[in-house]
Amino acid sequence: MDDAITSTDIRLREGASIAQRLVTAGFAAAVALCFTPGLFTHDPLEIIISVVALLVGAGFVLGIMMTPAVVWIITPNEILIGHQRPFGKLQTRVVGKDDISGLQVPGSKRVKARFQLVFTLASGERLTSPPISDVRHVHDTVARIAAQFDVPNVEAPVNPLDASNPEMHLGEPLEPFSARDIRIVALIAVALSAVPYAYKLWRGWPPSHVDILLLPLGAIAAFAVYRYANLVTGAFWIIREGDIRVERLWGDGTPRTDHIEGRDVKTITVERRGRSEDEHCIVVIRLHSGRRFRSPRIGSRPEARAVGAEIVRRLGIGAESNRI
């Protein structure tokens, strides 16, 4: 299959490598095995919890190991599709140009700048591709595929990270929390801290040191919510030719704006921030001044690298600072 591949072909991949699957499955199995001592007790509740934990762990491991790796190679005349499960045989399929009657490009509900190709075949079957990894060129990629397969009326998706946009947007425009919502959360924090103390008094029991300690902690938590709630709204990046505008909010809801220029950048890297490299990778920029800026969540590591590469190009960042 590789002999027919040229540099003009489009490759789309989905699924972790066998090594990554083994590491994740091993971790899940280790967590599940931590509950095995409960099987040897005489407490019915502990036995039930252990059995449920082992079953959930086994199902998680099975799901990880059985999910196939998928590769699509889109050539000018056909689509080559490969499915392979870990330790299984590669299954291939070829879809010819004449078999394709329609194309749609839906976006992801979880990751705003993630798009997949959905082909409708003459038989009525629908084939969904892995995500387009180079999120900078979604419009060009879709237009090119539609032209080479003679698919009419393909609607181009709205892509905030497309390189054809004068401004690339990461994240959502920021709005401060309403004063009413902040007051409600602060009151809930106070109420929760006072519940153990009030319950003890209602039952006529003497409050413990923990119950008394929770009262000032609740007041501190309420003050923190009231004063700093808007700091958790994140950031909104506007990537332009020559600079990045970073919009954030102070704790009281007033806007704060920073500008990043290429000469200020010490290093630019891609990092994982969360549980998965499939959805939680970001771009991190460190300045010569020591400040560090973390972008809003982008998506998978290939998608984050594509965005990082466009930032390097737009800001004119030197090769010595590029760690992507």
Protein backbone atom coordinates (compact mmCIF):
# COMPACT_ATOMS: atom_id res chain seq x y z
CA MET A 1 0.00 0.00 0.00
CA ASP A 2 2.88 2.40 0.70
CA ASP A 3 4.23 2.03 -2.86
CA ALA A 4 1.30 4.01 -4.26
CA ILE A 5 1.65 6.90 -1.81
CA THR A 6 2.94 10.25 -3.05
CA SER A 7 3.66 13.54 -1.31
CA THR A 8 0.30 14.94 -2.45
CA ASP A 9 -1.66 12.34 -0.49
CA ILE A 10 -3.44 13.21 2.77
CA ARG A 11 -2.91 10.96 5.78
CA LEU A 12 -5.26 10.91 8.76
CA ARG A 13 -4.59 8.81 11.85
CA GLU A 14 -6.47 7.96 15.01
CA GLY A 15 -5.64 5.67 17.90
CA ALA A 16 -2.74 5.31 20.30
CA SER A 17 0.26 3.10 19.68
CA ILE A 18 0.50 -0.36 21.22
CA ALA A 19 3.13 0.88 23.71
CA GLN A 20 0.85 3.72 24.88
CA ARG A 21 -2.07 1.33 25.20
CA LEU A 22 -0.01 -1.10 27.29
CA VAL A 23 1.06 1.67 29.68
CA THR A 24 -2.50 2.97 30.12
CA ALA A 25 -3.97 -0.51 30.46
CA GLY A 26 -1.27 -1.48 32.98
CA PHE A 27 -2.04 1.56 35.11
CA ALA A 28 -5.78 0.79 35.03
CA ALA A 29 -5.11 -2.83 35.96
CA ALA A 30 -2.86 -1.77 38.86
CA VAL A 31 -5.56 0.53 40.26
CA ALA A 32 -8.18 -2.23 39.97
CA LEU A 33 -5.90 -4.76 41.70
CA CYS A 34 -5.60 -2.43 44.71
CA PHE A 35 -9.16 -3.44 45.58
CA THR A 36 -8.49 -7.20 45.61
CA PRO A 37 -7.85 -7.40 49.41
CA GLY A 38 -11.52 -6.64 49.93
CA LEU A 39 -12.40 -10.00 48.36
CA PHE A 40 -10.85 -11.82 51.33
CA THR A 41 -12.76 -9.98 54.04
CA HIS A 42 -16.06 -10.98 55.64
CA ASP A 43 -17.67 -7.59 55.02
CA PRO A 44 -20.29 -7.91 52.23
CA LEU A 45 -19.95 -4.21 51.34
CA GLU A 46 -16.18 -4.46 50.84
CA ILE A 47 -16.62 -7.59 48.73
CA ILE A 48 -19.18 -5.85 46.51
CA ILE A 49 -16.93 -2.78 46.11
CA SER A 50 -13.94 -4.98 45.22
CA VAL A 51 -15.90 -6.98 42.66
CA VAL A 52 -17.31 -3.83 41.04
CA ALA A 53 -13.84 -2.22 40.94
CA LEU A 54 -12.31 -5.29 39.32
CA LEU A 55 -15.09 -5.52 36.74
CA VAL A 56 -14.80 -1.83 35.88
CA GLY A 57 -11.01 -2.15 35.65
CA ALA A 58 -11.27 -5.21 33.41
CA GLY A 59 -13.76 -3.43 31.16
CA PHE A 60 -11.51 -0.38 30.96
CA VAL A 61 -8.48 -2.47 30.05
CA LEU A 62 -10.48 -4.41 27.46
CA GLY A 63 -11.81 -1.18 25.92
CA ILE A 64 -8.30 0.29 25.67
CA MET A 65 -6.82 -2.80 24.09
CA MET A 66 -9.66 -3.48 21.66
CA THR A 67 -10.04 0.04 20.23
CA PRO A 68 -8.56 -0.10 16.73
CA ALA A 69 -5.93 2.20 15.29
CA VAL A 70 -7.27 3.76 12.10
CA VAL A 71 -5.32 5.19 9.17
CA TRP A 72 -6.80 6.91 6.14
CA ILE A 73 -4.71 7.71 3.05
CA ILE A 74 -6.61 9.96 0.65
CA THR A 75 -5.14 9.86 -2.86
CA PRO A 76 -6.45 11.71 -5.93
CA ASN A 77 -8.44 8.67 -7.08
CA GLU A 78 -9.31 6.67 -3.97
CA ILE A 79 -9.29 6.37 -0.21
CA LEU A 80 -7.26 3.63 1.46
CA ILE A 81 -8.56 2.74 4.92
CA GLY A 82 -6.67 0.59 7.40
CA HIS A 83 -7.97 -0.79 10.72
CA GLN A 84 -5.77 -2.68 13.12
CA ARG A 85 -6.46 -3.85 16.65
CA PRO A 86 -3.52 -4.46 18.99
CA PHE A 87 -1.90 -7.77 18.13
CA GLY A 88 -4.46 -8.24 15.37
CA LYS A 89 -4.22 -8.41 11.60
CA LEU A 90 -4.38 -5.24 9.51
CA GLN A 91 -7.72 -4.90 7.73
CA THR A 92 -7.80 -2.70 4.64
CA ARG A 93 -10.48 -1.23 2.44
CA VAL A 94 -10.31 0.79 -0.76
CA VAL A 95 -13.03 3.32 -1.64
CA GLY A 96 -12.90 4.47 -5.23
CA LYS A 97 -13.58 7.98 -6.48
CA ASP A 98 -16.73 6.90 -8.32
CA ASP A 99 -18.21 5.44 -5.12
CA ILE A 100 -18.31 8.83 -3.34
CA SER A 101 -21.45 10.90 -3.70
CA GLY A 102 -21.25 13.41 -0.84
CA LEU A 103 -18.95 15.02 1.72
CA GLN A 104 -19.63 16.82 4.99
CA VAL A 105 -17.20 18.27 7.55
CA PRO A 106 -18.81 18.32 11.01
CA GLY A 107 -17.01 19.77 14.01
CA SER A 108 -16.48 18.22 17.42
CA LYS A 109 -18.72 19.14 20.35
CA ARG A 110 -15.87 18.70 22.84
CA VAL A 111 -13.00 20.35 20.93
CA LYS A 112 -14.07 23.42 18.96
CA ALA A 113 -11.30 23.29 16.34
CA ARG A 114 -11.50 19.59 15.49
CA PHE A 115 -13.01 18.45 12.21
CA GLN A 116 -13.62 15.11 10.53
CA LEU A 117 -14.55 14.15 7.00
CA VAL A 118 -17.85 12.29 6.55
CA PHE A 119 -18.15 10.69 3.11
CA THR A 120 -21.49 9.45 1.79
CA LEU A 121 -21.15 6.57 -0.65
CA ALA A 122 -23.41 5.79 -3.58
CA SER A 123 -24.75 2.84 -1.57
CA GLY A 124 -25.87 5.20 1.22
CA GLU A 125 -23.12 4.15 3.61
CA ARG A 126 -21.39 6.91 5.61
CA LEU A 127 -17.67 6.76 6.41
CA THR A 128 -16.19 9.03 9.10
CA SER A 129 -12.48 9.76 8.94
CA PRO A 130 -10.03 10.39 11.79
CA PRO A 131 -9.67 14.09 12.73
CA ILE A 132 -7.79 16.45 10.41
CA SER A 133 -4.52 16.90 12.30
CA ASP A 134 -3.31 20.12 10.63
CA VAL A 135 -6.06 22.40 11.91
CA ARG A 136 -4.43 25.40 10.21
CA HIS A 137 -5.42 24.26 6.71
CA VAL A 138 -8.88 22.76 7.13
CA HIS A 139 -10.44 24.99 4.45
CA ASP A 140 -7.74 24.17 1.91
CA THR A 141 -7.84 20.45 2.72
CA VAL A 142 -11.63 20.24 2.39
CA ALA A 143 -11.64 22.25 -0.87
CA ARG A 144 -8.90 20.07 -2.31
CA ILE A 145 -10.66 16.80 -1.44
CA ALA A 146 -14.01 18.07 -2.73
CA ALA A 147 -12.38 19.05 -6.04
CA GLN A 148 -10.48 15.81 -6.60
CA PHE A 149 -13.55 13.67 -5.84
CA ASP A 150 -15.95 15.97 -7.76
CA VAL A 151 -18.21 16.45 -4.72
CA PRO A 152 -20.41 19.56 -5.14
CA ASN A 153 -21.75 21.96 -2.49
CA VAL A 154 -19.35 21.13 0.33
CA GLU A 155 -19.84 23.71 3.09
CA ALA A 156 -16.55 24.91 4.56
CA PRO A 157 -16.53 24.70 8.37
CA VAL A 158 -16.00 27.68 10.66
CA ASN A 159 -12.45 27.17 11.89
CA PRO A 160 -11.05 29.74 14.35
CA LEU A 161 -7.54 28.30 13.88
CA ASP A 162 -7.37 28.36 10.09
CA ALA A 163 -4.21 30.02 8.80
CA SER A 164 -6.28 31.84 6.17
CA ASN A 165 -7.88 33.93 8.93
CA PRO A 166 -6.22 37.32 9.62
CA GLU A 167 -6.70 36.50 13.31
CA MET A 168 -6.57 33.01 14.80
CA HIS A 169 -8.61 32.61 18.00
CA LEU A 170 -7.81 30.26 20.85
CA GLY A 171 -10.51 29.90 23.48
CA GLU A 172 -13.68 31.95 23.83
CA PRO A 173 -14.16 35.69 24.44
CA LEU A 174 -14.29 36.23 28.20
CA GLU A 175 -17.22 37.44 30.25
CA PRO A 176 -17.09 37.94 34.04
CA PHE A 177 -19.39 35.97 36.30
CA SER A 178 -22.46 37.87 37.39
CA ALA A 179 -22.40 39.32 40.90
CA ARG A 180 -25.50 37.27 41.71
CA ASP A 181 -23.81 33.97 40.82
CA ILE A 182 -20.73 34.86 42.84
CA ARG A 183 -22.83 35.71 45.91
CA ILE A 184 -24.74 32.44 45.62
CA VAL A 185 -21.54 30.35 45.46
CA ALA A 186 -20.04 32.30 48.39
CA LEU A 187 -23.17 31.68 50.47
CA ILE A 188 -23.08 27.98 49.60
CA ALA A 189 -19.46 27.79 50.81
CA VAL A 190 -20.44 29.41 54.14
CA ALA A 191 -23.49 27.17 54.50
CA LEU A 192 -21.56 23.96 53.84
CA SER A 193 -18.91 24.87 56.40
CA ALA A 194 -21.59 25.60 59.02
CA VAL A 195 -23.63 22.41 58.48
CA PRO A 196 -21.54 20.08 60.75
CA TYR A 197 -21.47 22.68 63.55
CA ALA A 198 -25.22 23.38 63.30
CA TYR A 199 -26.04 19.64 63.18
CA LYS A 200 -24.09 18.98 66.36
CA LEU A 201 -25.85 21.82 68.17
CA TRP A 202 -29.24 20.62 66.94
CA ARG A 203 -28.61 17.13 68.27
CA GLY A 204 -27.27 18.49 71.52
CA TRP A 205 -23.76 17.16 70.93
CA PRO A 206 -20.63 19.16 71.64
CA PRO A 207 -18.96 20.36 68.39
CA SER A 208 -15.55 18.89 67.71
CA HIS A 209 -12.41 20.87 66.89
CA VAL A 210 -12.91 20.02 63.22
CA ASP A 211 -16.46 21.43 63.26
CA ILE A 212 -15.22 24.67 64.81
CA LEU A 213 -12.29 24.89 62.40
CA LEU A 214 -14.62 24.59 59.40
CA LEU A 215 -16.37 27.87 60.28
CA PRO A 216 -13.43 30.23 59.55
CA LEU A 217 -12.42 28.06 56.60
CA GLY A 218 -15.87 28.56 55.12
CA ALA A 219 -15.58 32.31 55.59
CA ILE A 220 -12.14 32.28 53.90
CA ALA A 221 -13.52 30.21 51.01
CA ALA A 222 -16.44 32.62 50.59
CA PHE A 223 -14.06 35.60 50.52
CA ALA A 224 -11.84 33.84 47.96
CA VAL A 225 -14.85 33.13 45.73
CA TYR A 226 -16.09 36.71 46.02
CA ARG A 227 -12.67 38.23 45.36
CA TYR A 228 -11.03 35.87 42.87
CA ALA A 229 -13.81 33.94 41.07
CA ASN A 230 -13.13 35.57 37.71
CA LEU A 231 -9.53 34.37 37.67
CA VAL A 232 -10.76 30.89 36.68
CA THR A 233 -12.36 32.13 33.44
CA GLY A 234 -9.09 31.36 31.63
CA ALA A 235 -7.66 33.27 28.70
CA PHE A 236 -8.55 34.25 25.15
CA TRP A 237 -5.70 34.37 22.60
CA ILE A 238 -5.87 36.42 19.41
CA ILE A 239 -2.97 35.40 17.17
CA ARG A 240 -2.07 38.02 14.55
CA GLU A 241 0.86 38.74 12.27
CA GLY A 242 3.62 39.93 14.58
CA ASP A 243 1.97 39.55 17.98
CA ILE A 244 -0.45 37.66 20.21
CA ARG A 245 -3.08 39.50 22.23
CA VAL A 246 -3.84 37.62 25.47
CA GLU A 247 -7.07 38.66 27.17
CA ARG A 248 -7.78 37.68 30.77
CA LEU A 249 -9.81 38.95 33.71
CA TRP A 250 -8.73 40.18 37.09
CA GLY A 251 -10.51 38.79 40.14
CA ASP A 252 -13.01 41.66 40.20
CA GLY A 253 -13.95 41.09 36.56
CA THR A 254 -12.03 43.96 34.98
CA PRO A 255 -10.21 43.04 31.74
CA ARG A 256 -6.45 42.52 31.54
CA THR A 257 -4.54 42.48 28.26
CA ASP A 258 -1.00 41.32 27.48
CA HIS A 259 0.86 41.36 24.18
CA ILE A 260 3.48 38.83 23.09
CA GLU A 261 5.91 39.63 20.29
CA GLY A 262 8.44 37.32 18.69
CA ARG A 263 11.48 39.09 20.16
CA ASP A 264 10.08 38.56 23.69
CA VAL A 265 9.82 34.76 23.36
CA LYS A 266 12.46 32.62 25.04
CA THR A 267 10.87 29.23 24.27
CA ILE A 268 7.66 27.91 22.78
CA THR A 269 6.61 24.34 23.59
CA VAL A 270 3.64 21.99 23.46
CA GLU A 271 2.58 20.42 26.75
CA ARG A 272 -0.17 18.17 28.00
CA ARG A 273 -2.48 19.73 30.56
CA GLY A 274 -4.95 17.12 31.72
CA ARG A 275 -5.63 13.44 31.39
CA SER A 276 -5.18 12.74 27.72
CA GLU A 277 -2.87 13.70 24.86
CA ASP A 278 -5.87 13.33 22.54
CA GLU A 279 -7.73 16.35 23.92
CA HIS A 280 -5.72 18.27 26.49
CA CYS A 281 -2.58 19.66 24.82
CA ILE A 282 -1.71 23.36 24.92
CA VAL A 283 0.96 25.76 23.69
CA VAL A 284 3.21 27.27 26.37
CA ILE A 285 5.22 30.44 25.70
CA ARG A 286 8.01 31.52 28.06
CA LEU A 287 9.33 35.06 27.78
CA HIS A 288 12.83 36.36 28.43
CA SER A 289 11.36 38.26 31.38
CA GLY A 290 10.46 34.96 33.06
CA ARG A 291 6.70 35.19 32.50
CA ARG A 292 4.90 32.16 31.13
CA PHE A 293 1.69 32.06 29.11
CA ARG A 294 -0.42 28.92 28.72
CA SER A 295 -2.87 28.83 25.86
CA PRO A 296 -6.45 27.62 26.11
CA ARG A 297 -6.86 23.92 25.41
CA ILE A 298 -6.30 23.08 21.75
CA GLY A 299 -6.71 19.32 21.34
CA SER A 300 -4.38 16.48 20.46
CA ARG A 301 -0.60 16.85 20.35
CA PRO A 302 -0.48 16.97 16.50
CA GLU A 303 -3.17 19.68 16.50
CA ALA A 304 -1.32 21.69 19.16
CA ARG A 305 1.93 21.34 17.22
CA ALA A 306 0.22 22.66 14.10
CA VAL A 307 -1.04 25.71 15.99
CA GLY A 308 2.38 26.20 17.56
CA ALA A 309 4.02 26.09 14.14
CA GLU A 310 1.67 28.82 12.91
CA ILE A 311 2.48 30.95 15.97
CA VAL A 312 6.20 30.52 15.24
CA ARG A 313 5.61 31.66 11.65
CA ARG A 314 3.42 34.65 12.52
CA LEU A 315 5.66 35.93 15.30
CA GLY A 316 8.90 35.20 13.49
CA ILE A 317 10.27 33.19 16.42
CA GLY A 318 13.82 31.99 15.87
CA ALA A 319 14.73 28.33 15.53
CA GLU A 320 16.69 28.42 18.81
CA SER A 321 13.46 29.19 20.71
CA ASN A 322 11.28 26.63 18.93
CA ARG A 323 10.84 23.51 21.12
CA ILE A 324 7.68 22.21 19.45
